């Protein structure tokens, strides 16, 4: 079962993720943030940084209920180069 063990919020709507199988990748969420009611709040960088690991590593989520499962994050979303500037880190240990 794929789980997220750590996340780091980076600049430009990127999140660096560490999975329980040792895989690490950075995902840029900008292309998923639109003008719809669920993702529009995430366009505010302060709100975007409120992302958390949810359900004992079984996803990431924001306070408004927008969430992404770890399988999509691990296997299906393309990684981008990890930016050097880190803003906030959360671990699930």
C-alpha atoms as a PDB file:
ATOM      1  CA  UNK A   1       0.000   0.000   0.000  1.00  0.00           C
ATOM      2  CA  UNK A   2       1.489   3.317  -1.103  1.00  0.00           C
ATOM      3  CA  UNK A   3       1.695   5.955   1.619  1.00  0.00           C
ATOM      4  CA  UNK A   4       3.122   9.441   1.819  1.00  0.00           C
ATOM      5  CA  UNK A   5       5.562   9.791   4.692  1.00  0.00           C
ATOM      6  CA  UNK A   6       6.718  13.375   4.179  1.00  0.00           C
ATOM      7  CA  UNK A   7       5.815  16.471   2.211  1.00  0.00           C
ATOM      8  CA  UNK A   8       7.572  19.760   1.682  1.00  0.00           C
ATOM      9  CA  UNK A   9       5.763  22.737   0.186  1.00  0.00           C
ATOM     10  CA  UNK A  10       7.973  24.551  -2.316  1.00  0.00           C
ATOM     11  CA  UNK A  11       7.598  27.720  -4.369  1.00  0.00           C
ATOM     12  CA  UNK A  12       5.380  27.965  -7.453  1.00  0.00           C
ATOM     13  CA  UNK A  13       2.721  25.444  -6.346  1.00  0.00           C
ATOM     14  CA  UNK A  14       5.180  22.570  -6.067  1.00  0.00           C
ATOM     15  CA  UNK A  15       5.147  19.899  -3.386  1.00  0.00           C
ATOM     16  CA  UNK A  16       8.014  17.491  -2.756  1.00  0.00           C
ATOM     17  CA  UNK A  17       6.783  14.093  -1.590  1.00  0.00           C
ATOM     18  CA  UNK A  18       8.470  11.117   0.029  1.00  0.00           C
ATOM     19  CA  UNK A  19       6.712   7.759  -0.139  1.00  0.00           C
ATOM     20  CA  UNK A  20       7.027   4.705   2.091  1.00  0.00           C
ATOM     21  CA  UNK A  21       8.800   2.781  -0.685  1.00  0.00           C
ATOM     22  CA  UNK A  22      11.626   5.359  -0.706  1.00  0.00           C
ATOM     23  CA  UNK A  23      10.523   7.122  -3.884  1.00  0.00           C
ATOM     24  CA  UNK A  24      10.783  10.916  -3.817  1.00  0.00           C
ATOM     25  CA  UNK A  25       9.299  13.273  -6.355  1.00  0.00           C
ATOM     26  CA  UNK A  26       8.239  16.866  -6.759  1.00  0.00           C
ATOM     27  CA  UNK A  27       4.855  17.576  -8.327  1.00  0.00           C
ATOM     28  CA  UNK A  28       3.783  20.952  -9.731  1.00  0.00           C
ATOM     29  CA  UNK A  29       0.104  21.424  -8.952  1.00  0.00           C
ATOM     30  CA  UNK A  30      -0.335  24.684 -10.910  1.00  0.00           C
ATOM     31  CA  UNK A  31      -1.880  22.949 -13.918  1.00  0.00           C
ATOM     32  CA  UNK A  32      -4.613  21.460 -11.694  1.00  0.00           C
ATOM     33  CA  UNK A  33      -5.629  24.782 -10.127  1.00  0.00           C
ATOM     34  CA  UNK A  34      -8.473  26.377 -12.058  1.00  0.00           C
ATOM     35  CA  UNK A  35     -11.333  28.774 -11.423  1.00  0.00           C
ATOM     36  CA  UNK A  36     -13.673  26.085 -10.052  1.00  0.00           C
ATOM     37  CA  UNK A  37     -14.921  26.311  -6.468  1.00  0.00           C
ATOM     38  CA  UNK A  38     -12.716  23.477  -5.182  1.00  0.00           C
ATOM     39  CA  UNK A  39      -9.314  24.434  -6.584  1.00  0.00           C
ATOM     40  CA  UNK A  40      -9.579  28.235  -6.870  1.00  0.00           C
ATOM     41  CA  UNK A  41      -8.724  28.772  -3.160  1.00  0.00           C
ATOM     42  CA  UNK A  42      -5.438  26.920  -3.732  1.00  0.00           C
ATOM     43  CA  UNK A  43      -4.324  29.662  -6.132  1.00  0.00           C
ATOM     44  CA  UNK A  44      -3.645  31.767  -3.023  1.00  0.00           C
ATOM     45  CA  UNK A  45      -0.076  30.729  -2.052  1.00  0.00           C
ATOM     46  CA  UNK A  46      -0.842  31.092   1.662  1.00  0.00           C
ATOM     47  CA  UNK A  47      -3.797  28.732   1.349  1.00  0.00           C
ATOM     48  CA  UNK A  48      -1.844  26.329  -0.864  1.00  0.00           C
ATOM     49  CA  UNK A  49       0.751  25.964   1.908  1.00  0.00           C
ATOM     50  CA  UNK A  50      -1.962  24.586   4.220  1.00  0.00           C
ATOM     51  CA  UNK A  51      -1.698  21.181   2.526  1.00  0.00           C
ATOM     52  CA  UNK A  52      -1.350  18.245   4.911  1.00  0.00           C
ATOM     53  CA  UNK A  53      -0.767  14.524   4.782  1.00  0.00           C
ATOM     54  CA  UNK A  54      -4.158  12.922   5.329  1.00  0.00           C
ATOM     55  CA  UNK A  55      -5.516   9.636   6.570  1.00  0.00           C
ATOM     56  CA  UNK A  56      -2.221   8.174   7.843  1.00  0.00           C
ATOM     57  CA  UNK A  57      -0.392   8.794   4.578  1.00  0.00           C
ATOM     58  CA  UNK A  58      -3.194   7.813   2.221  1.00  0.00           C
ATOM     59  CA  UNK A  59      -3.231  11.196   0.482  1.00  0.00           C
ATOM     60  CA  UNK A  60      -2.742  14.908   0.782  1.00  0.00           C
ATOM     61  CA  UNK A  61      -5.514  17.400   1.435  1.00  0.00           C
ATOM     62  CA  UNK A  62      -6.390  21.031   1.960  1.00  0.00           C
ATOM     63  CA  UNK A  63      -8.877  22.485   4.487  1.00  0.00           C
ATOM     64  CA  UNK A  64     -11.613  22.860   1.830  1.00  0.00           C
ATOM     65  CA  UNK A  65     -11.666  19.116   1.131  1.00  0.00           C
ATOM     66  CA  UNK A  66      -9.598  19.049  -2.073  1.00  0.00           C
ATOM     67  CA  UNK A  67      -7.472  15.920  -1.911  1.00  0.00           C
ATOM     68  CA  UNK A  68      -5.227  13.727  -4.033  1.00  0.00           C
ATOM     69  CA  UNK A  69      -4.623  10.022  -3.420  1.00  0.00           C
ATOM     70  CA  UNK A  70      -1.077   8.678  -3.042  1.00  0.00           C
ATOM     71  CA  UNK A  71      -1.396   6.315  -6.003  1.00  0.00           C
ATOM     72  CA  UNK A  72      -1.952   9.243  -8.373  1.00  0.00           C
ATOM     73  CA  UNK A  73       0.889  11.161  -6.783  1.00  0.00           C
ATOM     74  CA  UNK A  74       3.293   8.205  -6.859  1.00  0.00           C
ATOM     75  CA  UNK A  75       2.529   6.542 -10.176  1.00  0.00           C
ATOM     76  CA  UNK A  76       0.608   8.830 -12.504  1.00  0.00           C
ATOM     77  CA  UNK A  77       1.624  12.462 -12.021  1.00  0.00           C
ATOM     78  CA  UNK A  78       4.853  13.514 -13.684  1.00  0.00           C
ATOM     79  CA  UNK A  79       7.683  14.732 -11.503  1.00  0.00           C
ATOM     80  CA  UNK A  80       9.400  18.057 -12.003  1.00  0.00           C
ATOM     81  CA  UNK A  81      12.869  19.150 -10.962  1.00  0.00           C
ATOM     82  CA  UNK A  82      12.915  19.976  -7.254  1.00  0.00           C
ATOM     83  CA  UNK A  83      13.358  23.727  -6.667  1.00  0.00           C
ATOM     84  CA  UNK A  84      16.037  24.709  -4.162  1.00  0.00           C
ATOM     85  CA  UNK A  85      13.889  26.971  -1.945  1.00  0.00           C
ATOM     86  CA  UNK A  86      11.845  25.061   0.615  1.00  0.00           C
ATOM     87  CA  UNK A  87       9.052  26.675   2.601  1.00  0.00           C
ATOM     88  CA  UNK A  88       7.374  24.153   4.931  1.00  0.00           C
ATOM     89  CA  UNK A  89       7.811  20.521   5.730  1.00  0.00           C
ATOM     90  CA  UNK A  90       5.492  17.971   7.344  1.00  0.00           C
ATOM     91  CA  UNK A  91       6.321  14.397   8.295  1.00  0.00           C
ATOM     92  CA  UNK A  92       4.129  11.464   9.101  1.00  0.00           C
ATOM     93  CA  UNK A  93       6.154   9.324  11.467  1.00  0.00           C
END
